[in-house]
């Protein structure tokens, strides 16, 4: 059996002389600021018209379907009650209506 040809990996002379060059080449990338998970969740609930329960910071609960959203607020359609525009900063949490985890 013949020995396999192996390529020796060596750093370039610039990397050996200047350690900054080597650090920059190995530096990890910074993760993105946004994962878009929130957008994906809202779109999924809007498309399926999922009844949601929204709990506000003051403890009040609202039932309804999310019609649309933007960076700062949600529009919630409610049956038998006026539709609402809710600022996201006032929302404590939300869950699907009838969800046992909620």
N, C-alpha and C. Protein backbone atom coordinates (compact mmCIF):
# COMPACT_ATOMS: atom_id res chain seq x y z
N UNK A 1 0.84 -1.17 0.00
CA UNK A 1 0.00 0.00 0.00
C UNK A 1 0.89 1.24 0.00
N UNK A 2 0.58 2.17 -0.92
CA UNK A 2 1.38 3.39 -1.02
C UNK A 2 0.83 4.46 -0.09
N UNK A 3 1.69 5.28 0.48
CA UNK A 3 1.20 6.37 1.32
C UNK A 3 0.45 7.40 0.47
N UNK A 4 -0.63 7.91 1.01
CA UNK A 4 -1.43 8.90 0.28
C UNK A 4 -0.70 10.23 0.25
N UNK A 5 -0.87 10.92 -0.85
CA UNK A 5 -0.28 12.27 -0.96
C UNK A 5 -1.08 13.21 -0.08
N UNK A 6 -0.42 13.86 0.79
CA UNK A 6 -1.09 14.81 1.69
C UNK A 6 -0.52 16.19 1.47
N UNK A 7 -1.41 17.14 1.40
CA UNK A 7 -0.98 18.52 1.21
C UNK A 7 -0.78 19.15 2.58
N UNK A 8 0.37 19.75 2.76
CA UNK A 8 0.67 20.41 4.02
C UNK A 8 0.10 21.82 3.97
N UNK A 9 -0.69 22.16 4.98
CA UNK A 9 -1.28 23.50 5.04
C UNK A 9 -0.41 24.35 5.95
N UNK A 10 0.15 25.38 5.39
CA UNK A 10 1.00 26.28 6.16
C UNK A 10 0.44 27.69 6.09
N UNK A 11 0.61 28.46 7.15
CA UNK A 11 0.19 29.87 7.09
C UNK A 11 1.13 30.64 6.17
N UNK A 12 0.60 31.69 5.57
CA UNK A 12 1.44 32.51 4.70
C UNK A 12 2.43 33.30 5.56
N UNK A 13 3.46 33.82 4.93
CA UNK A 13 4.48 34.57 5.68
C UNK A 13 3.87 35.84 6.28
N UNK A 14 2.87 36.43 5.62
CA UNK A 14 2.22 37.63 6.17
C UNK A 14 1.52 37.32 7.49
N UNK A 15 0.89 36.15 7.57
CA UNK A 15 0.20 35.77 8.81
C UNK A 15 1.19 35.54 9.94
N UNK A 16 2.34 34.99 9.62
CA UNK A 16 3.35 34.72 10.64
C UNK A 16 3.96 36.02 11.14
N UNK A 17 4.23 36.95 10.21
CA UNK A 17 4.87 38.22 10.58
C UNK A 17 3.90 39.15 11.32
N UNK A 18 2.63 39.20 10.87
CA UNK A 18 1.67 40.15 11.44
C UNK A 18 0.49 39.37 12.04
N UNK A 19 0.41 39.23 13.38
CA UNK A 19 -0.67 38.44 14.00
C UNK A 19 -2.06 39.02 13.78
N UNK A 20 -2.17 40.34 13.49
CA UNK A 20 -3.47 40.96 13.25
C UNK A 20 -4.13 40.35 12.02
N UNK A 21 -3.35 40.08 11.00
CA UNK A 21 -3.89 39.50 9.77
C UNK A 21 -4.54 38.16 10.08
N UNK A 22 -3.90 37.37 10.91
CA UNK A 22 -4.41 36.05 11.25
C UNK A 22 -5.70 36.14 12.06
N UNK A 23 -5.78 37.06 13.02
CA UNK A 23 -6.98 37.22 13.83
C UNK A 23 -8.17 37.63 12.98
N UNK A 24 -7.97 38.55 12.04
CA UNK A 24 -9.06 39.01 11.19
C UNK A 24 -9.59 37.88 10.32
N UNK A 25 -8.72 37.01 9.87
CA UNK A 25 -9.15 35.92 9.00
C UNK A 25 -9.99 34.90 9.76
N UNK A 26 -9.75 34.73 11.06
CA UNK A 26 -10.44 33.72 11.85
C UNK A 26 -11.63 34.31 12.60
N UNK A 27 -11.78 35.63 12.62
CA UNK A 27 -12.81 36.31 13.38
C UNK A 27 -14.21 35.80 13.01
N UNK A 28 -15.02 35.52 14.03
CA UNK A 28 -16.37 35.02 13.80
C UNK A 28 -17.27 36.14 13.29
N UNK A 29 -18.26 35.75 12.51
CA UNK A 29 -19.23 36.73 12.03
C UNK A 29 -20.23 37.05 13.13
N UNK A 30 -20.67 38.28 13.15
CA UNK A 30 -21.67 38.72 14.12
C UNK A 30 -23.04 38.24 13.66
N UNK A 31 -23.85 37.66 14.55
CA UNK A 31 -25.18 37.20 14.13
C UNK A 31 -26.06 38.38 13.74
N UNK A 32 -27.05 38.15 12.89
CA UNK A 32 -27.91 39.25 12.45
C UNK A 32 -28.72 39.83 13.61
N UNK A 33 -29.09 41.12 13.48
CA UNK A 33 -29.88 41.78 14.51
C UNK A 33 -31.27 41.18 14.62
N UNK A 34 -31.84 40.79 13.48
CA UNK A 34 -33.19 40.25 13.47
C UNK A 34 -33.21 38.85 12.88
N UNK A 35 -34.02 38.00 13.50
CA UNK A 35 -34.17 36.63 13.00
C UNK A 35 -35.42 36.49 12.14
N UNK A 36 -36.29 37.49 12.17
CA UNK A 36 -37.57 37.48 11.46
C UNK A 36 -38.54 36.46 12.04
N UNK A 37 -38.28 35.91 13.20
CA UNK A 37 -39.18 34.94 13.82
C UNK A 37 -40.51 35.60 14.18
N UNK A 38 -40.45 36.83 14.67
CA UNK A 38 -41.67 37.54 15.04
C UNK A 38 -42.55 37.75 13.81
N UNK A 39 -41.94 38.20 12.71
CA UNK A 39 -42.69 38.42 11.48
C UNK A 39 -43.32 37.12 10.99
N UNK A 40 -42.55 36.04 11.01
CA UNK A 40 -43.05 34.74 10.56
C UNK A 40 -44.25 34.33 11.41
N UNK A 41 -44.18 34.53 12.73
CA UNK A 41 -45.27 34.15 13.63
C UNK A 41 -46.52 34.95 13.31
N UNK A 42 -46.40 36.26 13.17
CA UNK A 42 -47.57 37.09 12.88
C UNK A 42 -48.20 36.71 11.55
N UNK A 43 -47.38 36.52 10.53
CA UNK A 43 -47.91 36.17 9.21
C UNK A 43 -48.66 34.84 9.27
N UNK A 44 -48.11 33.86 9.97
CA UNK A 44 -48.76 32.55 10.10
C UNK A 44 -50.12 32.69 10.79
N UNK A 45 -50.19 33.47 11.87
CA UNK A 45 -51.45 33.63 12.59
C UNK A 45 -52.46 34.43 11.77
N UNK A 46 -52.01 35.41 11.00
CA UNK A 46 -52.91 36.21 10.16
C UNK A 46 -53.49 35.36 9.04
N UNK A 47 -52.65 34.57 8.38
CA UNK A 47 -53.11 33.76 7.25
C UNK A 47 -54.12 32.70 7.69
N UNK A 48 -53.91 32.11 8.85
CA UNK A 48 -54.83 31.08 9.33
C UNK A 48 -55.98 31.66 10.15
N UNK A 49 -55.97 32.98 10.34
CA UNK A 49 -57.00 33.69 11.13
C UNK A 49 -57.20 33.02 12.49
N UNK A 50 -56.08 32.76 13.15
CA UNK A 50 -56.09 32.10 14.45
C UNK A 50 -56.65 33.03 15.52
N UNK A 51 -57.67 32.59 16.28
CA UNK A 51 -58.14 33.40 17.42
C UNK A 51 -57.03 33.47 18.47
N UNK A 52 -56.69 34.68 18.88
CA UNK A 52 -55.61 34.90 19.82
C UNK A 52 -56.12 35.54 21.10
N UNK A 53 -55.41 35.31 22.18
CA UNK A 53 -55.64 36.00 23.45
C UNK A 53 -54.41 36.86 23.69
N UNK A 54 -54.63 38.15 23.86
CA UNK A 54 -53.53 39.09 24.07
C UNK A 54 -53.66 39.63 25.50
N UNK A 55 -52.63 39.42 26.28
CA UNK A 55 -52.61 39.89 27.67
C UNK A 55 -51.75 41.15 27.71
N UNK A 56 -52.36 42.24 28.18
CA UNK A 56 -51.66 43.52 28.26
C UNK A 56 -50.88 43.61 29.57
N UNK A 57 -50.00 44.57 29.66
CA UNK A 57 -49.16 44.73 30.85
C UNK A 57 -49.97 45.02 32.11
N UNK A 58 -51.15 45.64 31.94
CA UNK A 58 -51.97 45.94 33.11
C UNK A 58 -52.85 44.76 33.52
N UNK A 59 -52.73 43.62 32.81
CA UNK A 59 -53.49 42.41 33.17
C UNK A 59 -54.75 42.21 32.34
N UNK A 60 -55.17 43.22 31.60
CA UNK A 60 -56.37 43.08 30.77
C UNK A 60 -56.12 42.09 29.64
N UNK A 61 -57.12 41.26 29.33
CA UNK A 61 -56.99 40.31 28.23
C UNK A 61 -57.95 40.69 27.11
N UNK A 62 -57.48 40.52 25.88
CA UNK A 62 -58.27 40.82 24.69
C UNK A 62 -58.29 39.59 23.80
N UNK A 63 -59.46 39.27 23.25
CA UNK A 63 -59.59 38.16 22.31
C UNK A 63 -59.83 38.73 20.92
N UNK A 64 -59.19 38.12 19.93
CA UNK A 64 -59.42 38.57 18.56
C UNK A 64 -58.45 37.92 17.59
N UNK A 65 -58.58 38.36 16.33
CA UNK A 65 -57.74 37.85 15.25
C UNK A 65 -56.85 38.99 14.77
N UNK A 66 -55.57 38.71 14.59
CA UNK A 66 -54.64 39.74 14.12
C UNK A 66 -54.90 39.99 12.64
N UNK A 67 -55.24 41.24 12.30
CA UNK A 67 -55.48 41.59 10.89
C UNK A 67 -54.19 42.01 10.21
N UNK A 68 -53.43 42.89 10.86
CA UNK A 68 -52.12 43.31 10.34
C UNK A 68 -51.25 43.78 11.48
N UNK A 69 -49.97 43.98 11.16
CA UNK A 69 -49.01 44.42 12.17
C UNK A 69 -47.97 45.29 11.48
N UNK A 70 -47.28 46.08 12.26
CA UNK A 70 -46.09 46.78 11.76
C UNK A 70 -45.07 46.78 12.88
N UNK A 71 -44.08 47.63 12.76
CA UNK A 71 -42.98 47.63 13.73
C UNK A 71 -43.45 47.91 15.16
N UNK A 72 -44.48 48.73 15.31
CA UNK A 72 -44.86 49.15 16.65
C UNK A 72 -46.21 48.72 17.16
N UNK A 73 -47.09 48.17 16.28
CA UNK A 73 -48.44 47.86 16.75
C UNK A 73 -49.08 46.70 15.98
N UNK A 74 -50.21 46.22 16.55
CA UNK A 74 -51.03 45.17 15.93
C UNK A 74 -52.45 45.70 15.77
N UNK A 75 -53.11 45.33 14.68
CA UNK A 75 -54.54 45.61 14.56
C UNK A 75 -55.25 44.30 14.81
N UNK A 76 -56.16 44.31 15.80
CA UNK A 76 -56.87 43.11 16.21
C UNK A 76 -58.35 43.29 15.92
N UNK A 77 -58.92 42.35 15.14
CA UNK A 77 -60.35 42.33 14.88
C UNK A 77 -61.02 41.48 15.94
N UNK A 78 -62.13 42.02 16.50
CA UNK A 78 -62.84 41.30 17.55
C UNK A 78 -64.30 41.15 17.16
N UNK A 79 -64.91 40.04 17.58
CA UNK A 79 -66.33 39.82 17.32
C UNK A 79 -67.14 40.43 18.44
N UNK A 80 -68.16 41.20 18.08
CA UNK A 80 -69.04 41.79 19.08
C UNK A 80 -68.40 42.92 19.87
N UNK A 81 -67.25 43.41 19.42
CA UNK A 81 -66.56 44.51 20.09
C UNK A 81 -65.77 45.28 19.04
N UNK A 82 -65.44 46.54 19.34
CA UNK A 82 -64.68 47.32 18.35
C UNK A 82 -63.30 46.72 18.07
N UNK A 83 -62.85 46.89 16.83
CA UNK A 83 -61.50 46.48 16.48
C UNK A 83 -60.51 47.42 17.17
N UNK A 84 -59.31 46.91 17.47
CA UNK A 84 -58.35 47.69 18.24
C UNK A 84 -57.00 47.77 17.55
N UNK A 85 -56.32 48.88 17.76
CA UNK A 85 -54.93 49.04 17.39
C UNK A 85 -54.15 49.03 18.70
N UNK A 86 -53.31 48.01 18.87
CA UNK A 86 -52.61 47.81 20.14
C UNK A 86 -51.12 48.03 19.94
N UNK A 87 -50.54 48.89 20.76
CA UNK A 87 -49.09 49.09 20.71
C UNK A 87 -48.39 47.85 21.27
N UNK A 88 -47.38 47.37 20.58
CA UNK A 88 -46.64 46.18 21.03
C UNK A 88 -46.02 46.40 22.39
N UNK A 89 -45.65 47.63 22.69
CA UNK A 89 -45.01 47.92 23.98
C UNK A 89 -45.97 47.71 25.15
N UNK A 90 -47.30 47.67 24.88
CA UNK A 90 -48.28 47.43 25.94
C UNK A 90 -48.64 45.95 26.11
N UNK A 91 -48.10 45.09 25.23
CA UNK A 91 -48.43 43.67 25.28
C UNK A 91 -47.45 42.95 26.20
N UNK A 92 -47.99 42.22 27.17
CA UNK A 92 -47.17 41.41 28.08
C UNK A 92 -46.83 40.09 27.39
N UNK A 93 -47.86 39.38 26.88
CA UNK A 93 -47.67 38.16 26.09
C UNK A 93 -48.97 37.86 25.36
N UNK A 94 -48.91 36.88 24.46
CA UNK A 94 -50.10 36.45 23.73
C UNK A 94 -50.01 34.96 23.48
N UNK A 95 -51.16 34.36 23.25
CA UNK A 95 -51.20 32.93 22.95
C UNK A 95 -52.45 32.63 22.11
N UNK A 96 -52.46 31.44 21.51
CA UNK A 96 -53.59 31.02 20.71
C UNK A 96 -54.76 30.70 21.65
N UNK A 97 -55.95 31.17 21.29
CA UNK A 97 -57.13 30.93 22.11
C UNK A 97 -57.40 29.43 22.19
N UNK A 98 -57.64 28.93 23.40
CA UNK A 98 -57.89 27.50 23.60
C UNK A 98 -56.62 26.69 23.76
N UNK A 99 -55.47 27.34 23.68
CA UNK A 99 -54.19 26.65 23.84
C UNK A 99 -54.02 26.32 25.33
N UNK A 100 -53.84 25.05 25.67
CA UNK A 100 -53.70 24.71 27.09
C UNK A 100 -52.48 25.31 27.75
N UNK A 101 -51.48 25.69 26.95
CA UNK A 101 -50.28 26.30 27.53
C UNK A 101 -50.49 27.75 27.90
N UNK A 102 -51.60 28.35 27.46
CA UNK A 102 -51.81 29.78 27.67
C UNK A 102 -52.55 30.14 28.88
